[in-house]
Amino acid sequence: MAPHNDTGTLGEATAAEYLQQKGYEVLQRNWRPPKGRTELDIVAVKDGVLAFVEVKTRSSVAWGEPMEAVNYAKIRHLTAAAQRYMRLFNVSDMQVRFDIISVIVSSSSNAVISVHHVENAFMPPPIYY
């Protein structure tokens, strides 16, 4: 596996563990809708709120903070995948939010340096079919 894939895998595992320590129940990791191209990194629930969590992991902030990589196009794809998830699992009556977790790891040792969780990181744009 390429080093950047190892970094991403470490970041997602770290984020899932972080959420569990904060009292979230992780329902899904790396969920991809049937015939869908955008993956939901983590789907978790806490206090009746369904959180779709995008995880961004970097070994440096030289090119910006990890969460800056979540642009408008990514938000649209995540929103569409979340809507498919909600229909498929019949959870349309739950309160929903979109979070981003940024994980910074050491490039030399792959040790986690920081975890930053932003709840309600963005509002979903309308999806037109």
N, C-alpha and C. Protein backbone atom coordinates (compact mmCIF):
# COMPACT_ATOMS: atom_id res chain seq x y z
N MET A 1 0.84 -1.17 0.00
CA MET A 1 0.00 0.00 0.00
C MET A 1 0.89 1.24 0.00
N ALA A 2 0.48 2.25 -0.73
CA ALA A 2 1.25 3.49 -0.82
C ALA A 2 1.25 4.21 0.53
N PRO A 3 2.33 4.95 0.83
CA PRO A 3 2.41 5.64 2.13
C PRO A 3 1.22 6.56 2.41
N HIS A 4 0.70 7.25 1.39
CA HIS A 4 -0.42 8.14 1.64
C HIS A 4 -1.68 7.35 2.02
N ASN A 5 -1.81 6.12 1.51
CA ASN A 5 -2.94 5.28 1.91
C ASN A 5 -2.79 4.84 3.35
N ASP A 6 -1.56 4.52 3.77
CA ASP A 6 -1.31 4.16 5.17
C ASP A 6 -1.66 5.34 6.09
N THR A 7 -1.31 6.54 5.67
CA THR A 7 -1.60 7.73 6.45
C THR A 7 -3.10 7.91 6.58
N GLY A 8 -3.83 7.76 5.49
CA GLY A 8 -5.28 7.89 5.52
C GLY A 8 -5.94 6.84 6.40
N THR A 9 -5.47 5.61 6.31
CA THR A 9 -6.01 4.53 7.14
C THR A 9 -5.77 4.81 8.62
N LEU A 10 -4.57 5.29 8.95
CA LEU A 10 -4.26 5.65 10.34
C LEU A 10 -5.18 6.77 10.81
N GLY A 11 -5.39 7.77 9.96
CA GLY A 11 -6.25 8.89 10.33
C GLY A 11 -7.68 8.46 10.59
N GLU A 12 -8.21 7.59 9.74
CA GLU A 12 -9.59 7.14 9.92
C GLU A 12 -9.73 6.28 11.18
N ALA A 13 -8.76 5.43 11.45
CA ALA A 13 -8.79 4.61 12.67
C ALA A 13 -8.70 5.51 13.91
N THR A 14 -7.86 6.53 13.84
CA THR A 14 -7.71 7.48 14.95
C THR A 14 -9.01 8.23 15.18
N ALA A 15 -9.64 8.68 14.09
CA ALA A 15 -10.90 9.43 14.19
C ALA A 15 -12.00 8.56 14.78
N ALA A 16 -12.10 7.31 14.35
CA ALA A 16 -13.12 6.40 14.88
C ALA A 16 -12.91 6.18 16.38
N GLU A 17 -11.68 5.96 16.77
CA GLU A 17 -11.36 5.77 18.19
C GLU A 17 -11.68 7.03 18.99
N TYR A 18 -11.34 8.18 18.45
CA TYR A 18 -11.62 9.47 19.10
C TYR A 18 -13.13 9.61 19.33
N LEU A 19 -13.93 9.32 18.30
CA LEU A 19 -15.38 9.44 18.43
C LEU A 19 -15.92 8.48 19.49
N GLN A 20 -15.44 7.27 19.50
CA GLN A 20 -15.89 6.30 20.50
C GLN A 20 -15.55 6.77 21.91
N GLN A 21 -14.38 7.36 22.08
CA GLN A 21 -13.99 7.88 23.39
C GLN A 21 -14.89 9.04 23.82
N LYS A 22 -15.46 9.74 22.84
CA LYS A 22 -16.35 10.87 23.12
C LYS A 22 -17.81 10.43 23.27
N GLY A 23 -18.06 9.11 23.23
CA GLY A 23 -19.40 8.60 23.45
C GLY A 23 -20.23 8.34 22.20
N TYR A 24 -19.61 8.43 21.04
CA TYR A 24 -20.32 8.13 19.80
C TYR A 24 -20.34 6.62 19.57
N GLU A 25 -21.40 6.16 18.93
CA GLU A 25 -21.44 4.79 18.43
C GLU A 25 -21.12 4.86 16.94
N VAL A 26 -20.05 4.23 16.54
CA VAL A 26 -19.67 4.22 15.13
C VAL A 26 -20.50 3.13 14.45
N LEU A 27 -21.35 3.54 13.50
CA LEU A 27 -22.23 2.62 12.80
C LEU A 27 -21.57 2.04 11.56
N GLN A 28 -20.83 2.86 10.85
CA GLN A 28 -20.21 2.44 9.59
C GLN A 28 -18.86 3.14 9.45
N ARG A 29 -17.96 2.43 8.79
CA ARG A 29 -16.68 3.04 8.37
C ARG A 29 -16.50 2.72 6.90
N ASN A 30 -16.10 3.71 6.15
CA ASN A 30 -15.84 3.56 4.72
C ASN A 30 -17.05 3.00 3.98
N TRP A 31 -18.22 3.58 4.25
CA TRP A 31 -19.45 3.13 3.60
C TRP A 31 -19.57 3.79 2.23
N ARG A 32 -19.83 2.98 1.25
CA ARG A 32 -20.01 3.46 -0.12
C ARG A 32 -21.40 3.02 -0.60
N PRO A 33 -22.20 3.96 -1.11
CA PRO A 33 -23.52 3.57 -1.59
C PRO A 33 -23.43 2.67 -2.81
N PRO A 34 -24.43 1.82 -3.01
CA PRO A 34 -24.44 1.00 -4.22
C PRO A 34 -24.34 1.91 -5.45
N LYS A 35 -23.45 1.58 -6.33
CA LYS A 35 -23.21 2.36 -7.56
C LYS A 35 -22.77 3.79 -7.27
N GLY A 36 -22.30 4.03 -6.06
CA GLY A 36 -21.85 5.38 -5.71
C GLY A 36 -20.34 5.48 -5.79
N ARG A 37 -19.86 6.68 -5.96
CA ARG A 37 -18.41 6.86 -6.05
C ARG A 37 -17.83 7.55 -4.82
N THR A 38 -18.68 8.21 -4.04
CA THR A 38 -18.18 8.91 -2.86
C THR A 38 -18.44 8.07 -1.62
N GLU A 39 -17.40 7.90 -0.84
CA GLU A 39 -17.45 7.10 0.37
C GLU A 39 -17.70 8.01 1.58
N LEU A 40 -18.49 7.50 2.50
CA LEU A 40 -18.66 8.18 3.79
C LEU A 40 -17.63 7.56 4.73
N ASP A 41 -16.69 8.37 5.20
CA ASP A 41 -15.60 7.84 6.03
C ASP A 41 -16.13 7.20 7.31
N ILE A 42 -16.95 7.95 8.04
CA ILE A 42 -17.52 7.44 9.29
C ILE A 42 -18.96 7.91 9.40
N VAL A 43 -19.83 7.00 9.77
CA VAL A 43 -21.20 7.33 10.14
C VAL A 43 -21.33 6.95 11.60
N ALA A 44 -21.70 7.93 12.42
CA ALA A 44 -21.77 7.70 13.86
C ALA A 44 -23.02 8.35 14.43
N VAL A 45 -23.40 7.92 15.62
CA VAL A 45 -24.57 8.50 16.27
C VAL A 45 -24.25 8.78 17.73
N LYS A 46 -24.78 9.90 18.20
CA LYS A 46 -24.65 10.26 19.62
C LYS A 46 -25.83 11.15 19.98
N ASP A 47 -26.48 10.83 21.06
CA ASP A 47 -27.61 11.63 21.55
C ASP A 47 -28.68 11.82 20.47
N GLY A 48 -28.91 10.79 19.68
CA GLY A 48 -29.96 10.84 18.66
C GLY A 48 -29.60 11.64 17.41
N VAL A 49 -28.37 12.07 17.30
CA VAL A 49 -27.92 12.83 16.13
C VAL A 49 -27.03 11.93 15.27
N LEU A 50 -27.37 11.83 14.01
CA LEU A 50 -26.59 11.04 13.06
C LEU A 50 -25.52 11.96 12.46
N ALA A 51 -24.26 11.59 12.64
CA ALA A 51 -23.15 12.41 12.16
C ALA A 51 -22.45 11.69 11.01
N PHE A 52 -22.36 12.38 9.89
CA PHE A 52 -21.56 11.92 8.76
C PHE A 52 -20.23 12.64 8.88
N VAL A 53 -19.17 11.87 9.08
CA VAL A 53 -17.87 12.45 9.43
C VAL A 53 -16.88 12.23 8.30
N GLU A 54 -16.37 13.31 7.76
CA GLU A 54 -15.31 13.26 6.76
C GLU A 54 -13.99 13.39 7.49
N VAL A 55 -13.06 12.48 7.22
CA VAL A 55 -11.77 12.48 7.89
C VAL A 55 -10.70 12.91 6.89
N LYS A 56 -9.91 13.87 7.27
CA LYS A 56 -8.80 14.33 6.45
C LYS A 56 -7.52 14.22 7.26
N THR A 57 -6.57 13.48 6.71
CA THR A 57 -5.31 13.23 7.41
C THR A 57 -4.15 13.76 6.58
N ARG A 58 -3.23 14.42 7.24
CA ARG A 58 -2.05 14.94 6.57
C ARG A 58 -0.83 14.73 7.47
N SER A 59 0.32 14.70 6.84
CA SER A 59 1.57 14.62 7.61
C SER A 59 2.22 15.99 7.73
N SER A 60 1.58 16.99 7.17
CA SER A 60 2.11 18.35 7.24
C SER A 60 0.98 19.33 6.95
N VAL A 61 1.10 20.52 7.48
CA VAL A 61 0.14 21.57 7.15
C VAL A 61 0.78 22.59 6.21
N ALA A 62 1.88 22.20 5.59
CA ALA A 62 2.59 23.10 4.69
C ALA A 62 1.70 23.61 3.55
N TRP A 63 0.76 22.79 3.12
CA TRP A 63 -0.14 23.18 2.03
C TRP A 63 -1.53 23.52 2.53
N GLY A 64 -1.65 23.75 3.84
CA GLY A 64 -2.93 24.13 4.42
C GLY A 64 -3.44 23.08 5.39
N GLU A 65 -4.45 23.47 6.13
CA GLU A 65 -5.08 22.57 7.09
C GLU A 65 -5.83 21.47 6.34
N PRO A 66 -5.86 20.27 6.89
CA PRO A 66 -6.52 19.16 6.20
C PRO A 66 -7.97 19.44 5.82
N MET A 67 -8.72 20.09 6.71
CA MET A 67 -10.14 20.31 6.42
C MET A 67 -10.37 21.28 5.26
N GLU A 68 -9.36 22.02 4.87
CA GLU A 68 -9.49 22.90 3.72
C GLU A 68 -9.67 22.12 2.43
N ALA A 69 -9.38 20.82 2.46
CA ALA A 69 -9.54 19.97 1.28
C ALA A 69 -11.00 19.60 1.03
N VAL A 70 -11.87 19.94 1.96
CA VAL A 70 -13.29 19.65 1.78
C VAL A 70 -13.91 20.86 1.07
N ASN A 71 -13.94 20.78 -0.24
CA ASN A 71 -14.44 21.89 -1.05
C ASN A 71 -15.92 21.68 -1.40
N TYR A 72 -16.47 22.60 -2.17
CA TYR A 72 -17.89 22.55 -2.51
C TYR A 72 -18.26 21.27 -3.24
N ALA A 73 -17.44 20.84 -4.17
CA ALA A 73 -17.73 19.61 -4.92
C ALA A 73 -17.75 18.41 -3.97
N LYS A 74 -16.81 18.34 -3.04
CA LYS A 74 -16.76 17.24 -2.07
C LYS A 74 -18.01 17.27 -1.19
N ILE A 75 -18.41 18.46 -0.77
CA ILE A 75 -19.60 18.61 0.06
C ILE A 75 -20.84 18.10 -0.68
N ARG A 76 -20.95 18.42 -1.94
CA ARG A 76 -22.10 17.93 -2.74
C ARG A 76 -22.10 16.42 -2.81
N HIS A 77 -20.95 15.81 -3.05
CA HIS A 77 -20.86 14.35 -3.13
C HIS A 77 -21.17 13.70 -1.78
N LEU A 78 -20.65 14.27 -0.71
CA LEU A 78 -20.92 13.73 0.62
C LEU A 78 -22.41 13.82 0.96
N THR A 79 -23.02 14.93 0.60
CA THR A 79 -24.45 15.13 0.85
C THR A 79 -25.27 14.09 0.10
N ALA A 80 -24.94 13.86 -1.15
CA ALA A 80 -25.67 12.86 -1.94
C ALA A 80 -25.50 11.47 -1.34
N ALA A 81 -24.30 11.11 -0.93
CA ALA A 81 -24.05 9.80 -0.32
C ALA A 81 -24.82 9.68 0.99
N ALA A 82 -24.85 10.75 1.77
CA ALA A 82 -25.58 10.73 3.04
C ALA A 82 -27.08 10.54 2.80
N GLN A 83 -27.61 11.19 1.79
CA GLN A 83 -29.03 11.01 1.47
C GLN A 83 -29.31 9.57 1.06
N ARG A 84 -28.41 8.96 0.31
CA ARG A 84 -28.59 7.55 -0.07
C ARG A 84 -28.53 6.66 1.19
N TYR A 85 -27.61 6.95 2.07
CA TYR A 85 -27.49 6.19 3.31
C TYR A 85 -28.80 6.27 4.10
N MET A 86 -29.32 7.47 4.24
CA MET A 86 -30.53 7.67 5.03
C MET A 86 -31.72 6.93 4.43
N ARG A 87 -31.83 6.93 3.11
CA ARG A 87 -32.92 6.18 2.45
C ARG A 87 -32.74 4.69 2.62
N LEU A 88 -31.52 4.20 2.40
CA LEU A 88 -31.25 2.77 2.45
C LEU A 88 -31.47 2.20 3.85
N PHE A 89 -31.06 2.96 4.87
CA PHE A 89 -31.18 2.48 6.25
C PHE A 89 -32.41 3.03 6.97
N ASN A 90 -33.26 3.73 6.23
CA ASN A 90 -34.53 4.25 6.74
C ASN A 90 -34.34 5.05 8.03
N VAL A 91 -33.46 6.03 7.97
CA VAL A 91 -33.19 6.88 9.13
C VAL A 91 -33.49 8.35 8.80
N SER A 92 -34.45 8.56 7.93
CA SER A 92 -34.75 9.92 7.49
C SER A 92 -35.37 10.79 8.58
N ASP A 93 -35.79 10.18 9.69
CA ASP A 93 -36.40 10.96 10.76
C ASP A 93 -35.38 11.45 11.79
N MET A 94 -34.11 11.11 11.61
CA MET A 94 -33.09 11.51 12.57
C MET A 94 -32.54 12.90 12.25
N GLN A 95 -32.11 13.58 13.30
CA GLN A 95 -31.39 14.83 13.11
C GLN A 95 -30.02 14.47 12.54
N VAL A 96 -29.54 15.26 11.58
CA VAL A 96 -28.30 14.94 10.87
C VAL A 96 -27.36 16.14 10.92
N ARG A 97 -26.07 15.83 10.95
CA ARG A 97 -25.08 16.90 10.79
C ARG A 97 -23.86 16.32 10.09
N PHE A 98 -23.06 17.22 9.56
CA PHE A 98 -21.84 16.86 8.84
C PHE A 98 -20.65 17.42 9.61
N ASP A 99 -19.75 16.53 9.99
CA ASP A 99 -18.56 16.90 10.75
C ASP A 99 -17.31 16.64 9.91
N ILE A 100 -16.23 17.28 10.30
CA ILE A 100 -14.92 17.00 9.72
C ILE A 100 -13.96 16.76 10.88
N ILE A 101 -13.17 15.71 10.76
CA ILE A 101 -12.09 15.47 11.71
C ILE A 101 -10.77 15.56 10.94
N SER A 102 -9.90 16.45 11.40
CA SER A 102 -8.55 16.58 10.84
C SER A 102 -7.58 15.86 11.74
N VAL A 103 -6.73 15.05 11.13
CA VAL A 103 -5.71 14.33 11.88
C VAL A 103 -4.35 14.69 11.27
N ILE A 104 -3.43 15.10 12.12
CA ILE A 104 -2.07 15.37 11.68
C ILE A 104 -1.19 14.28 12.28
N VAL A 105 -0.38 13.65 11.41
CA VAL A 105 0.52 12.59 11.86
C VAL A 105 1.96 12.98 11.51
N SER A 106 2.88 12.44 12.25
CA SER A 106 4.29 12.66 11.98
C SER A 106 4.67 11.89 10.73
N SER A 107 5.35 12.54 9.81
CA SER A 107 5.75 11.86 8.58
C SER A 107 6.87 10.85 8.83
N SER A 108 7.61 11.05 9.89
CA SER A 108 8.72 10.13 10.15
C SER A 108 8.32 8.90 10.96
N SER A 109 7.38 9.07 11.90
CA SER A 109 7.04 7.94 12.77
C SER A 109 5.60 7.48 12.67
N ASN A 110 4.78 8.20 11.90
CA ASN A 110 3.35 7.92 11.79
C ASN A 110 2.63 8.03 13.13
N ALA A 111 3.23 8.75 14.08
CA ALA A 111 2.57 9.01 15.36
C ALA A 111 1.57 10.15 15.17
N VAL A 112 0.44 10.04 15.84
CA VAL A 112 -0.58 11.08 15.75
C VAL A 112 -0.13 12.30 16.55
N ILE A 113 -0.14 13.44 15.89
CA ILE A 113 0.27 14.69 16.53
C ILE A 113 -0.96 15.43 17.06
N SER A 114 -2.03 15.49 16.24
CA SER A 114 -3.22 16.19 16.69
C SER A 114 -4.48 15.65 16.01
N VAL A 115 -5.60 15.83 16.72
CA VAL A 115 -6.92 15.49 16.20
C VAL A 115 -7.81 16.70 16.46
N HIS A 116 -8.46 17.18 15.42
CA HIS A 116 -9.33 18.35 15.55
C HIS A 116 -10.70 17.97 14.97
N HIS A 117 -11.73 18.04 15.80
CA HIS A 117 -13.09 17.66 15.41
C HIS A 117 -13.94 18.92 15.30
N VAL A 118 -14.51 19.15 14.13
CA VAL A 118 -15.41 20.27 13.92
C VAL A 118 -16.80 19.72 13.68
N GLU A 119 -17.69 19.92 14.64
CA GLU A 119 -19.07 19.52 14.49
C GLU A 119 -19.79 20.55 13.64
N ASN A 120 -20.79 20.09 12.87
CA ASN A 120 -21.53 20.99 11.98
C ASN A 120 -20.58 21.79 11.10
N ALA A 121 -19.63 21.11 10.51
CA ALA A 121 -18.60 21.78 9.73
C ALA A 121 -19.16 22.47 8.49
N PHE A 122 -20.26 21.93 7.96
CA PHE A 122 -20.89 22.57 6.80
C PHE A 122 -22.34 22.18 6.74
N MET A 123 -23.10 23.02 6.07
CA MET A 123 -24.51 22.73 5.81
C MET A 123 -24.59 22.13 4.40
N PRO A 124 -25.40 21.11 4.24
CA PRO A 124 -25.50 20.51 2.91
C PRO A 124 -26.21 21.43 1.94
N PRO A 125 -25.69 21.48 0.72
CA PRO A 125 -26.38 22.27 -0.31
C PRO A 125 -27.58 21.48 -0.81
N PRO A 126 -28.53 22.15 -1.45
CA PRO A 126 -29.65 21.39 -2.00
C PRO A 126 -29.15 20.47 -3.13
N ILE A 127 -29.75 19.31 -3.20
CA ILE A 127 -29.42 18.35 -4.25
C ILE A 127 -30.58 18.34 -5.23
N TYR A 128 -30.28 18.55 -6.47
CA TYR A 128 -31.31 18.54 -7.50
C TYR A 128 -31.16 17.29 -8.34
N TYR A 129 -32.23 16.59 -8.54
CA TYR A 129 -32.18 15.35 -9.31
C TYR A 129 -32.66 15.57 -10.72
